[in-house]
Every structure is written in structure tokens, then in C-alpha cells.
Amino acid sequence: MPRDIVYFDLETQRTANDAGGWDRKGDMRMSVGVIFSTTTGRYEVFAEARVNQLVDRLRRADLVVGFNVLNFDYHVLMGYTILDLAAELPTADLMVDMEQRLGHRLGLDAIAHATLGVQKTAAGLDAIRWWREGRVLEIAEYCCFDVKVTRLVHEHGCRTKELFFHDRFAQRQRVGVDWCHLDEAS
């Protein structure tokens, strides 16, 4: 039976400044969370009222894949649960892996643009503004697109063992990755 790889992202209602600083991520509150499951082949959108269902779904995954989920998304979710999601969930955090390989952080947009020629449709601060304006559907669409981009980057890295980014001189650089998370054998 194929592994259930769940790609995940969330958007928040508040900025870190609104919540009292980056050490208060749990107070930023989730506006929308999105997953894509390789088992179902479908996206699922979770409003804040369904945050416990989102946590339960992540706990059932064989692997959760995200971008900065260990240091951000899980901490936002831990504002709703006593679980230590970073310790409990089998997770591939693409940003953490890339930072370890390169010695510096890269954004998802930088990797996706250089590797796949696609760009994100908005930024996290746009999603917070949309939340304040009651434009939840736009947040869900943006978050779904981020999940899709994360999935495409991950699958490309698993398939080709390489990703690309542009350095500070706008030169396209290659970085090797050894992601074997898509292998069916666990």
C-alpha cells in the first residue's frame, strides 16, 4: 500500500508583531490550513473551527511535508493542542533541509522559480490582510497553491535529486538533495 504523504501549509490571522513576538507563534492563530494527500489525490481545506480535525489528519499521515513547518506551522497549531507536533509527527521540512545544505535560508518562491519556473501568487502578509477583510476564499486559494508548489518542489527533488536557486548575483545555482521520501518502502 502506498505511503500517505501529506503536504501541508497554513496561514495565520495575525502577524508575529500582533501576537507579541516570534516566540508567541501559537497566538498568531490559524486562518486556513490546507493539506494534499497522496493517498486521496485531493486537497482539503480546514478553517480554524476544524483545526482539531487538521491536527488529527496530520497525525495519521505516514509523512508530513512542508516548508518551514517545524519552526512555524506546527508552533501555530500548538496554540490549539498540548501535543508536541514537531516531536510527534514524521516530517520532512524542505526549508530546514535546504538551510542545512546551503548554510542559509531560501524561500519557497526562490526555489520554485529557479527549479520549476513557477512563482507564488501572494505572500503571508497578504493572507493576513485578506483575513482582516473577510476574504477567506482568497486565503484558501493562496494556501492551496503554496501546498501545490511545495509538492511539486518535493517531487522534483525526489525524482531528479537536485533543485535550483538564484544566488545574490542572480546566477542559477544547483543544490543536490537526497530525498527518498516518495519511495514506497518505509
N, C-alpha and C. Protein backbone atom coordinates (compact mmCIF):
# COMPACT_ATOMS: atom_id res chain seq x y z
N MET A 1 0.85 -1.19 0.00
CA MET A 1 0.00 0.00 0.00
C MET A 1 0.89 1.25 0.00
N PRO A 2 0.59 2.22 -0.85
CA PRO A 2 1.42 3.42 -0.92
C PRO A 2 1.36 4.22 0.39
N ARG A 3 2.45 4.87 0.68
CA ARG A 3 2.51 5.72 1.87
C ARG A 3 1.61 6.94 1.67
N ASP A 4 1.05 7.40 2.77
CA ASP A 4 0.23 8.61 2.74
C ASP A 4 1.12 9.80 3.07
N ILE A 5 1.63 10.44 2.01
CA ILE A 5 2.42 11.65 2.19
C ILE A 5 1.45 12.82 2.14
N VAL A 6 1.48 13.64 3.19
CA VAL A 6 0.56 14.76 3.31
C VAL A 6 1.37 16.05 3.24
N TYR A 7 1.11 16.83 2.21
CA TYR A 7 1.73 18.15 2.05
C TYR A 7 0.87 19.15 2.80
N PHE A 8 1.50 20.07 3.53
CA PHE A 8 0.76 20.90 4.47
C PHE A 8 1.28 22.33 4.50
N ASP A 9 0.35 23.26 4.64
CA ASP A 9 0.68 24.67 4.88
C ASP A 9 -0.50 25.30 5.61
N LEU A 10 -0.22 26.39 6.31
CA LEU A 10 -1.31 27.16 6.92
C LEU A 10 -1.00 28.64 6.80
N GLU A 11 -2.04 29.43 6.96
CA GLU A 11 -1.92 30.88 7.03
C GLU A 11 -2.46 31.32 8.38
N THR A 12 -2.00 32.49 8.82
CA THR A 12 -2.39 32.97 10.15
C THR A 12 -3.31 34.18 10.07
N GLN A 13 -3.96 34.43 11.19
CA GLN A 13 -4.85 35.59 11.32
C GLN A 13 -4.07 36.84 11.72
N ARG A 14 -2.93 36.65 12.37
CA ARG A 14 -2.20 37.77 12.96
C ARG A 14 -0.72 37.69 12.59
N THR A 15 -0.06 38.82 12.60
CA THR A 15 1.39 38.86 12.41
C THR A 15 2.07 38.50 13.73
N ALA A 16 3.37 38.22 13.65
CA ALA A 16 4.13 37.96 14.87
C ALA A 16 4.08 39.18 15.78
N ASN A 17 4.14 40.37 15.20
CA ASN A 17 4.07 41.60 15.99
C ASN A 17 2.72 41.70 16.73
N ASP A 18 1.64 41.38 16.03
CA ASP A 18 0.30 41.40 16.64
C ASP A 18 0.23 40.43 17.83
N ALA A 19 0.92 39.29 17.70
CA ALA A 19 0.84 38.23 18.71
C ALA A 19 1.79 38.47 19.88
N GLY A 20 2.68 39.44 19.76
CA GLY A 20 3.61 39.73 20.85
C GLY A 20 5.02 39.23 20.61
N GLY A 21 5.33 38.85 19.37
CA GLY A 21 6.70 38.43 19.03
C GLY A 21 6.73 37.02 18.45
N TRP A 22 7.88 36.70 17.86
CA TRP A 22 8.04 35.39 17.20
C TRP A 22 8.01 34.24 18.18
N ASP A 23 8.23 34.50 19.46
CA ASP A 23 8.16 33.43 20.45
C ASP A 23 6.72 33.13 20.87
N ARG A 24 5.76 33.81 20.25
CA ARG A 24 4.33 33.62 20.56
C ARG A 24 3.57 33.16 19.33
N LYS A 25 4.16 32.27 18.55
CA LYS A 25 3.52 31.81 17.30
C LYS A 25 2.16 31.19 17.55
N GLY A 26 1.98 30.53 18.68
CA GLY A 26 0.69 29.93 19.00
C GLY A 26 -0.42 30.94 19.12
N ASP A 27 -0.06 32.20 19.36
CA ASP A 27 -1.06 33.27 19.47
C ASP A 27 -1.36 33.94 18.13
N MET A 28 -0.69 33.50 17.07
CA MET A 28 -0.94 34.08 15.75
C MET A 28 -2.25 33.57 15.15
N ARG A 29 -2.72 32.42 15.61
CA ARG A 29 -3.99 31.80 15.22
C ARG A 29 -4.04 31.45 13.73
N MET A 30 -4.55 30.30 13.46
CA MET A 30 -4.69 29.83 12.08
C MET A 30 -5.94 30.42 11.43
N SER A 31 -5.79 30.94 10.24
CA SER A 31 -6.97 31.35 9.47
C SER A 31 -7.43 30.19 8.60
N VAL A 32 -6.49 29.59 7.88
CA VAL A 32 -6.78 28.47 6.98
C VAL A 32 -5.59 27.52 6.98
N GLY A 33 -5.87 26.24 7.01
CA GLY A 33 -4.85 25.21 6.82
C GLY A 33 -5.25 24.36 5.63
N VAL A 34 -4.26 23.90 4.87
CA VAL A 34 -4.52 23.09 3.68
C VAL A 34 -3.59 21.90 3.66
N ILE A 35 -4.13 20.75 3.26
CA ILE A 35 -3.32 19.57 3.03
C ILE A 35 -3.60 19.03 1.63
N PHE A 36 -2.63 18.30 1.11
CA PHE A 36 -2.82 17.47 -0.08
C PHE A 36 -2.32 16.09 0.30
N SER A 37 -3.16 15.08 0.14
CA SER A 37 -2.81 13.71 0.48
C SER A 37 -2.51 12.92 -0.79
N THR A 38 -1.37 12.21 -0.78
CA THR A 38 -1.04 11.39 -1.95
C THR A 38 -1.94 10.15 -2.02
N THR A 39 -2.54 9.77 -0.91
CA THR A 39 -3.45 8.63 -0.91
C THR A 39 -4.77 8.96 -1.60
N THR A 40 -5.32 10.13 -1.29
CA THR A 40 -6.61 10.51 -1.87
C THR A 40 -6.45 11.29 -3.17
N GLY A 41 -5.26 11.94 -3.34
CA GLY A 41 -5.05 12.78 -4.52
C GLY A 41 -5.88 14.06 -4.47
N ARG A 42 -6.27 14.46 -3.25
CA ARG A 42 -7.14 15.63 -3.11
C ARG A 42 -6.59 16.61 -2.10
N TYR A 43 -6.99 17.87 -2.30
CA TYR A 43 -6.71 18.92 -1.33
C TYR A 43 -7.86 18.95 -0.34
N GLU A 44 -7.54 19.33 0.89
CA GLU A 44 -8.57 19.55 1.89
C GLU A 44 -8.25 20.84 2.62
N VAL A 45 -9.27 21.69 2.76
CA VAL A 45 -9.11 22.99 3.39
C VAL A 45 -9.76 22.94 4.77
N PHE A 46 -9.05 23.48 5.76
CA PHE A 46 -9.52 23.49 7.14
C PHE A 46 -9.62 24.93 7.63
N ALA A 47 -10.80 25.33 8.04
CA ALA A 47 -10.98 26.62 8.72
C ALA A 47 -10.55 26.45 10.18
N GLU A 48 -10.41 27.55 10.89
CA GLU A 48 -9.99 27.47 12.29
C GLU A 48 -10.91 26.58 13.12
N ALA A 49 -12.20 26.59 12.83
CA ALA A 49 -13.15 25.77 13.59
C ALA A 49 -12.85 24.28 13.45
N ARG A 50 -12.10 23.89 12.42
CA ARG A 50 -11.77 22.48 12.18
C ARG A 50 -10.30 22.17 12.47
N VAL A 51 -9.64 23.01 13.25
CA VAL A 51 -8.20 22.84 13.49
C VAL A 51 -7.89 21.50 14.14
N ASN A 52 -8.76 21.01 15.01
CA ASN A 52 -8.51 19.71 15.65
C ASN A 52 -8.57 18.58 14.63
N GLN A 53 -9.45 18.69 13.65
CA GLN A 53 -9.50 17.69 12.57
C GLN A 53 -8.22 17.74 11.74
N LEU A 54 -7.69 18.94 11.52
CA LEU A 54 -6.43 19.07 10.79
C LEU A 54 -5.30 18.38 11.56
N VAL A 55 -5.20 18.64 12.85
CA VAL A 55 -4.15 18.00 13.66
C VAL A 55 -4.31 16.48 13.61
N ASP A 56 -5.53 15.98 13.74
CA ASP A 56 -5.76 14.54 13.67
C ASP A 56 -5.34 13.97 12.32
N ARG A 57 -5.64 14.71 11.26
CA ARG A 57 -5.27 14.24 9.91
C ARG A 57 -3.75 14.19 9.75
N LEU A 58 -3.06 15.20 10.24
CA LEU A 58 -1.60 15.20 10.18
C LEU A 58 -1.02 14.04 10.98
N ARG A 59 -1.63 13.70 12.09
CA ARG A 59 -1.15 12.60 12.93
C ARG A 59 -1.31 11.25 12.25
N ARG A 60 -2.26 11.13 11.32
CA ARG A 60 -2.47 9.87 10.60
C ARG A 60 -1.57 9.71 9.37
N ALA A 61 -0.88 10.76 8.99
CA ALA A 61 -0.02 10.71 7.79
C ALA A 61 1.21 9.86 8.06
N ASP A 62 1.68 9.19 7.02
CA ASP A 62 2.96 8.48 7.12
C ASP A 62 4.12 9.47 7.11
N LEU A 63 3.94 10.59 6.41
CA LEU A 63 4.95 11.63 6.34
C LEU A 63 4.25 12.95 6.05
N VAL A 64 4.60 14.00 6.79
CA VAL A 64 4.12 15.35 6.52
C VAL A 64 5.26 16.11 5.87
N VAL A 65 4.98 16.73 4.73
CA VAL A 65 5.98 17.51 4.01
C VAL A 65 5.51 18.95 3.97
N GLY A 66 6.42 19.85 4.32
CA GLY A 66 6.07 21.27 4.29
C GLY A 66 7.32 22.11 4.16
N PHE A 67 7.12 23.40 4.17
CA PHE A 67 8.21 24.36 4.05
C PHE A 67 8.17 25.27 5.27
N ASN A 68 9.11 25.08 6.19
CA ASN A 68 9.19 25.80 7.46
C ASN A 68 8.09 25.36 8.43
N VAL A 69 7.64 24.12 8.31
CA VAL A 69 6.59 23.64 9.21
C VAL A 69 7.10 23.38 10.63
N LEU A 70 8.35 22.94 10.76
CA LEU A 70 8.88 22.63 12.09
C LEU A 70 9.00 23.88 12.96
N ASN A 71 9.41 24.98 12.37
CA ASN A 71 9.66 26.19 13.14
C ASN A 71 8.53 27.22 13.08
N PHE A 72 7.52 26.94 12.25
CA PHE A 72 6.42 27.91 12.17
C PHE A 72 5.05 27.25 12.27
N ASP A 73 4.64 26.53 11.24
CA ASP A 73 3.27 26.00 11.17
C ASP A 73 2.91 25.15 12.39
N TYR A 74 3.80 24.23 12.78
CA TYR A 74 3.50 23.39 13.95
C TYR A 74 3.35 24.24 15.21
N HIS A 75 4.15 25.28 15.34
CA HIS A 75 4.05 26.14 16.52
C HIS A 75 2.74 26.91 16.54
N VAL A 76 2.25 27.31 15.38
CA VAL A 76 0.92 27.94 15.32
C VAL A 76 -0.13 26.93 15.77
N LEU A 77 -0.06 25.70 15.25
CA LEU A 77 -1.03 24.67 15.63
C LEU A 77 -0.95 24.32 17.11
N MET A 78 0.24 24.41 17.70
CA MET A 78 0.39 24.07 19.11
C MET A 78 -0.30 25.08 20.02
N GLY A 79 -0.80 26.19 19.45
CA GLY A 79 -1.66 27.09 20.19
C GLY A 79 -3.04 26.49 20.43
N TYR A 80 -3.32 25.37 19.76
CA TYR A 80 -4.63 24.71 19.87
C TYR A 80 -4.55 23.33 20.54
N THR A 81 -3.34 22.81 20.77
CA THR A 81 -3.20 21.44 21.26
C THR A 81 -2.04 21.35 22.25
N ILE A 82 -2.08 20.35 23.09
CA ILE A 82 -0.96 20.12 24.02
C ILE A 82 0.11 19.25 23.40
N LEU A 83 -0.15 18.71 22.21
CA LEU A 83 0.80 17.83 21.55
C LEU A 83 2.03 18.59 21.08
N ASP A 84 3.18 17.94 21.14
CA ASP A 84 4.41 18.49 20.57
C ASP A 84 4.52 17.94 19.15
N LEU A 85 3.91 18.67 18.22
CA LEU A 85 3.80 18.17 16.85
C LEU A 85 5.16 17.96 16.19
N ALA A 86 6.11 18.82 16.46
CA ALA A 86 7.43 18.68 15.85
C ALA A 86 8.10 17.38 16.29
N ALA A 87 7.86 16.97 17.51
CA ALA A 87 8.45 15.73 18.02
C ALA A 87 7.64 14.50 17.62
N GLU A 88 6.33 14.68 17.48
CA GLU A 88 5.46 13.53 17.26
C GLU A 88 5.27 13.15 15.79
N LEU A 89 5.24 14.13 14.90
CA LEU A 89 4.90 13.86 13.51
C LEU A 89 6.13 13.57 12.65
N PRO A 90 6.09 12.50 11.85
CA PRO A 90 7.19 12.27 10.90
C PRO A 90 7.14 13.36 9.84
N THR A 91 8.18 14.17 9.77
CA THR A 91 8.12 15.39 8.97
C THR A 91 9.36 15.57 8.12
N ALA A 92 9.13 15.99 6.88
CA ALA A 92 10.21 16.47 6.00
C ALA A 92 9.97 17.96 5.82
N ASP A 93 10.83 18.76 6.45
CA ASP A 93 10.73 20.21 6.33
C ASP A 93 11.76 20.64 5.28
N LEU A 94 11.27 21.00 4.10
CA LEU A 94 12.15 21.32 2.99
C LEU A 94 13.03 22.53 3.27
N MET A 95 12.52 23.51 3.99
CA MET A 95 13.33 24.69 4.28
C MET A 95 14.49 24.33 5.21
N VAL A 96 14.22 23.55 6.22
CA VAL A 96 15.27 23.14 7.16
C VAL A 96 16.34 22.34 6.41
N ASP A 97 15.93 21.44 5.55
CA ASP A 97 16.88 20.63 4.80
C ASP A 97 17.75 21.51 3.89
N MET A 98 17.13 22.44 3.19
CA MET A 98 17.89 23.32 2.30
C MET A 98 18.84 24.21 3.10
N GLU A 99 18.40 24.70 4.25
CA GLU A 99 19.26 25.54 5.08
C GLU A 99 20.49 24.75 5.56
N GLN A 100 20.29 23.48 5.92
CA GLN A 100 21.41 22.65 6.35
C GLN A 100 22.40 22.42 5.20
N ARG A 101 21.88 22.28 4.00
CA ARG A 101 22.75 22.04 2.84
C ARG A 101 23.52 23.29 2.41
N LEU A 102 22.86 24.45 2.48
CA LEU A 102 23.44 25.68 1.95
C LEU A 102 24.08 26.59 3.00
N GLY A 103 23.67 26.44 4.25
CA GLY A 103 24.18 27.31 5.29
C GLY A 103 23.41 28.62 5.41
N HIS A 104 22.34 28.75 4.64
CA HIS A 104 21.47 29.93 4.74
C HIS A 104 20.07 29.55 4.27
N ARG A 105 19.11 30.39 4.64
CA ARG A 105 17.72 30.11 4.29
C ARG A 105 17.39 30.58 2.89
N LEU A 106 16.49 29.84 2.27
CA LEU A 106 15.90 30.24 1.00
C LEU A 106 14.39 30.15 1.15
N GLY A 107 13.68 31.03 0.46
CA GLY A 107 12.23 30.95 0.45
C GLY A 107 11.74 29.93 -0.56
N LEU A 108 10.54 29.45 -0.35
CA LEU A 108 9.93 28.52 -1.28
C LEU A 108 9.85 29.12 -2.68
N ASP A 109 9.50 30.38 -2.76
CA ASP A 109 9.36 31.05 -4.04
C ASP A 109 10.67 31.04 -4.82
N ALA A 110 11.79 31.28 -4.14
CA ALA A 110 13.10 31.31 -4.82
C ALA A 110 13.45 29.95 -5.41
N ILE A 111 13.16 28.89 -4.67
CA ILE A 111 13.46 27.54 -5.15
C ILE A 111 12.51 27.16 -6.29
N ALA A 112 11.22 27.42 -6.11
CA ALA A 112 10.22 27.06 -7.12
C ALA A 112 10.46 27.81 -8.43
N HIS A 113 10.82 29.07 -8.33
CA HIS A 113 11.04 29.87 -9.53
C HIS A 113 12.25 29.37 -10.31
N ALA A 114 13.36 29.14 -9.62
CA ALA A 114 14.58 28.70 -10.29
C ALA A 114 14.49 27.25 -10.77
N THR A 115 13.74 26.42 -10.06
CA THR A 115 13.67 25.00 -10.39
C THR A 115 12.56 24.69 -11.39
N LEU A 116 11.39 25.27 -11.17
CA LEU A 116 10.20 24.90 -11.94
C LEU A 116 9.66 26.02 -12.82
N GLY A 117 10.15 27.24 -12.61
CA GLY A 117 9.63 28.38 -13.37
C GLY A 117 8.27 28.85 -12.90
N VAL A 118 7.90 28.48 -11.68
CA VAL A 118 6.62 28.95 -11.13
C VAL A 118 6.90 29.85 -9.94
N GLN A 119 5.97 30.76 -9.69
CA GLN A 119 6.11 31.68 -8.56
C GLN A 119 4.86 31.64 -7.71
N LYS A 120 5.05 31.95 -6.43
CA LYS A 120 3.92 32.04 -5.53
C LYS A 120 3.00 33.16 -6.00
N THR A 121 1.73 33.07 -5.61
CA THR A 121 0.74 34.04 -6.07
C THR A 121 0.60 35.22 -5.12
N ALA A 122 1.10 35.10 -3.89
CA ALA A 122 0.97 36.16 -2.90
C ALA A 122 1.99 35.89 -1.80
N ALA A 123 1.85 36.59 -0.68
CA ALA A 123 2.73 36.40 0.48
C ALA A 123 1.88 36.29 1.73
N GLY A 124 2.52 35.81 2.80
CA GLY A 124 1.80 35.61 4.05
C GLY A 124 1.13 36.86 4.58
N LEU A 125 1.75 38.01 4.40
CA LEU A 125 1.13 39.26 4.87
C LEU A 125 -0.13 39.60 4.07
N ASP A 126 -0.15 39.20 2.79
CA ASP A 126 -1.38 39.37 2.00
C ASP A 126 -2.51 38.56 2.63
N ALA A 127 -2.20 37.33 3.05
CA ALA A 127 -3.22 36.46 3.65
C ALA A 127 -3.75 37.05 4.94
N ILE A 128 -2.89 37.68 5.73
CA ILE A 128 -3.36 38.32 6.97
C ILE A 128 -4.28 39.51 6.63
N ARG A 129 -3.91 40.29 5.63
CA ARG A 129 -4.77 41.40 5.21
C ARG A 129 -6.12 40.87 4.72
N TRP A 130 -6.10 39.80 3.93
CA TRP A 130 -7.34 39.20 3.44
C TRP A 130 -8.20 38.72 4.60
N TRP A 131 -7.57 38.16 5.64
CA TRP A 131 -8.31 37.71 6.81
C TRP A 131 -9.05 38.88 7.44
N ARG A 132 -8.36 39.98 7.59
CA ARG A 132 -8.95 41.17 8.20
C ARG A 132 -10.09 41.73 7.35
N GLU A 133 -10.01 41.49 6.04
CA GLU A 133 -11.05 41.96 5.12
C GLU A 133 -12.14 40.91 4.89
N GLY A 134 -12.05 39.77 5.54
CA GLY A 134 -13.05 38.72 5.40
C GLY A 134 -12.97 37.94 4.09
N ARG A 135 -11.84 37.96 3.44
CA ARG A 135 -11.66 37.31 2.13
C ARG A 135 -11.04 35.92 2.30
N VAL A 136 -11.76 35.04 2.99
CA VAL A 136 -11.25 33.73 3.36
C VAL A 136 -11.03 32.84 2.14
N LEU A 137 -11.88 32.93 1.14
CA LEU A 137 -11.70 32.11 -0.06
C LEU A 137 -10.36 32.40 -0.73
N GLU A 138 -9.96 33.66 -0.76
CA GLU A 138 -8.67 34.01 -1.36
C GLU A 138 -7.52 33.43 -0.56
N ILE A 139 -7.65 33.39 0.77
CA ILE A 139 -6.63 32.77 1.61
C ILE A 139 -6.53 31.28 1.28
N ALA A 140 -7.68 30.62 1.17
CA ALA A 140 -7.69 29.19 0.87
C ALA A 140 -7.04 28.90 -0.49
N GLU A 141 -7.35 29.72 -1.49
CA GLU A 141 -6.76 29.52 -2.82
C GLU A 141 -5.25 29.71 -2.77
N TYR A 142 -4.81 30.75 -2.09
CA TYR A 142 -3.37 31.02 -1.96
C TYR A 142 -2.67 29.87 -1.23
N CYS A 143 -3.27 29.41 -0.15
CA CYS A 143 -2.68 28.34 0.65
C CYS A 143 -2.64 27.04 -0.15
N CYS A 144 -3.70 26.76 -0.92
CA CYS A 144 -3.70 25.57 -1.79
C CYS A 144 -2.57 25.64 -2.81
N PHE A 145 -2.34 26.82 -3.37
CA PHE A 145 -1.26 26.98 -4.35
C PHE A 145 0.10 26.75 -3.69
N ASP A 146 0.28 27.26 -2.46
CA ASP A 146 1.54 27.02 -1.75
C ASP A 146 1.75 25.53 -1.50
N VAL A 147 0.71 24.83 -1.14
CA VAL A 147 0.82 23.39 -0.93
C VAL A 147 1.19 22.70 -2.25
N LYS A 148 0.58 23.13 -3.34
CA LYS A 148 0.90 22.55 -4.64
C LYS A 148 2.36 22.81 -5.02
N VAL A 149 2.83 24.02 -4.80
CA VAL A 149 4.22 24.36 -5.11
C VAL A 149 5.17 23.53 -4.24
N THR A 150 4.85 23.38 -2.97
CA THR A 150 5.66 22.55 -2.07
C THR A 150 5.72 21.12 -2.59
N ARG A 151 4.58 20.60 -2.99
CA ARG A 151 4.53 19.23 -3.52
C ARG A 151 5.37 19.10 -4.79
N LEU A 152 5.23 20.06 -5.70
CA LEU A 152 5.99 19.99 -6.96
C LEU A 152 7.49 20.08 -6.72
N VAL A 153 7.91 20.95 -5.81
CA VAL A 153 9.34 21.07 -5.47
C VAL A 153 9.83 19.76 -4.85
N HIS A 154 9.07 19.22 -3.91
CA HIS A 154 9.47 17.97 -3.25
C HIS A 154 9.55 16.82 -4.25
N GLU A 155 8.53 16.68 -5.06
CA GLU A 155 8.53 15.59 -6.05
C GLU A 155 9.67 15.74 -7.05
N HIS A 156 9.95 16.97 -7.47
CA HIS A 156 11.06 17.21 -8.38
C HIS A 156 12.39 16.81 -7.72
N GLY A 157 12.57 17.21 -6.47
CA GLY A 157 13.79 16.85 -5.75
C GLY A 157 13.94 15.35 -5.57
N CYS A 158 12.84 14.66 -5.28
CA CYS A 158 12.89 13.20 -5.14
C CYS A 158 13.23 12.53 -6.46
N ARG A 159 12.67 13.05 -7.53
CA ARG A 159 12.84 12.45 -8.85
C ARG A 159 14.22 12.72 -9.44
N THR A 160 14.69 13.96 -9.34
CA THR A 160 15.93 14.35 -10.04
C THR A 160 17.13 14.49 -9.11
N LYS A 161 16.88 14.48 -7.80
CA LYS A 161 17.95 14.64 -6.79
C LYS A 161 18.63 16.01 -6.85
N GLU A 162 17.94 17.01 -7.39
CA GLU A 162 18.51 18.35 -7.44
C GLU A 162 17.42 19.40 -7.48
N LEU A 163 17.77 20.58 -6.95
CA LEU A 163 16.92 21.77 -7.03
C LEU A 163 17.83 22.93 -7.42
N PHE A 164 17.21 24.06 -7.74
CA PHE A 164 17.97 25.23 -8.15
C PHE A 164 17.49 26.46 -7.39
N PHE A 165 18.36 27.46 -7.33
CA PHE A 165 18.02 28.76 -6.77
C PHE A 165 18.93 29.78 -7.44
N HIS A 166 18.58 31.04 -7.31
CA HIS A 166 19.43 32.11 -7.83
C HIS A 166 20.19 32.72 -6.67
N ASP A 167 21.51 32.84 -6.83
CA ASP A 167 22.31 33.43 -5.77
C ASP A 167 22.19 34.95 -5.78
N ARG A 168 22.93 35.61 -4.93
CA ARG A 168 22.81 37.07 -4.82
C ARG A 168 23.31 37.81 -6.05
N PHE A 169 23.98 37.08 -6.94
CA PHE A 169 24.43 37.67 -8.20
C PHE A 169 23.51 37.29 -9.36
N ALA A 170 22.34 36.74 -9.02
CA ALA A 170 21.32 36.31 -9.98
C ALA A 170 21.79 35.16 -10.86
N GLN A 171 22.77 34.40 -10.36
CA GLN A 171 23.25 33.23 -11.09
C GLN A 171 22.49 32.00 -10.59
N ARG A 172 22.03 31.19 -11.51
CA ARG A 172 21.29 29.97 -11.15
C ARG A 172 22.27 28.95 -10.59
N GLN A 173 21.99 28.50 -9.38
CA GLN A 173 22.85 27.54 -8.70
C GLN A 173 22.10 26.23 -8.46
N ARG A 174 22.83 25.14 -8.52
CA ARG A 174 22.28 23.80 -8.29
C ARG A 174 22.61 23.37 -6.87
N VAL A 175 21.68 22.67 -6.25
CA VAL A 175 21.94 22.03 -4.96
C VAL A 175 21.41 20.61 -5.03
N GLY A 176 22.25 19.66 -4.67
CA GLY A 176 21.84 18.26 -4.65
C GLY A 176 21.00 17.96 -3.42
N VAL A 177 19.99 17.14 -3.60
CA VAL A 177 19.15 16.70 -2.47
C VAL A 177 19.05 15.18 -2.53
N ASP A 178 18.86 14.57 -1.39
CA ASP A 178 18.72 13.12 -1.34
C ASP A 178 17.41 12.73 -0.66
N TRP A 179 16.35 13.27 -1.20
CA TRP A 179 15.03 13.00 -0.63
C TRP A 179 14.49 11.71 -1.23
N CYS A 180 14.36 10.71 -0.41
CA CYS A 180 13.80 9.44 -0.89
C CYS A 180 12.46 9.19 -0.22
N HIS A 181 11.79 10.27 0.20
CA HIS A 181 10.52 10.17 0.92
C HIS A 181 9.40 9.57 0.08
N LEU A 182 9.55 9.59 -1.25
CA LEU A 182 8.48 9.05 -2.09
C LEU A 182 8.60 7.55 -2.34
N ASP A 183 9.72 6.94 -1.86
CA ASP A 183 9.85 5.50 -2.01
C ASP A 183 8.74 4.83 -1.23
N GLU A 184 8.15 3.81 -1.84
CA GLU A 184 7.02 3.14 -1.17
C GLU A 184 7.47 2.31 0.02
N ALA A 185 8.69 1.83 0.00
CA ALA A 185 9.18 1.07 1.14
C ALA A 185 9.49 2.03 2.28
N SER A 186 8.92 1.81 3.42
CA SER A 186 9.13 2.72 4.55
C SER A 186 10.40 2.38 5.28
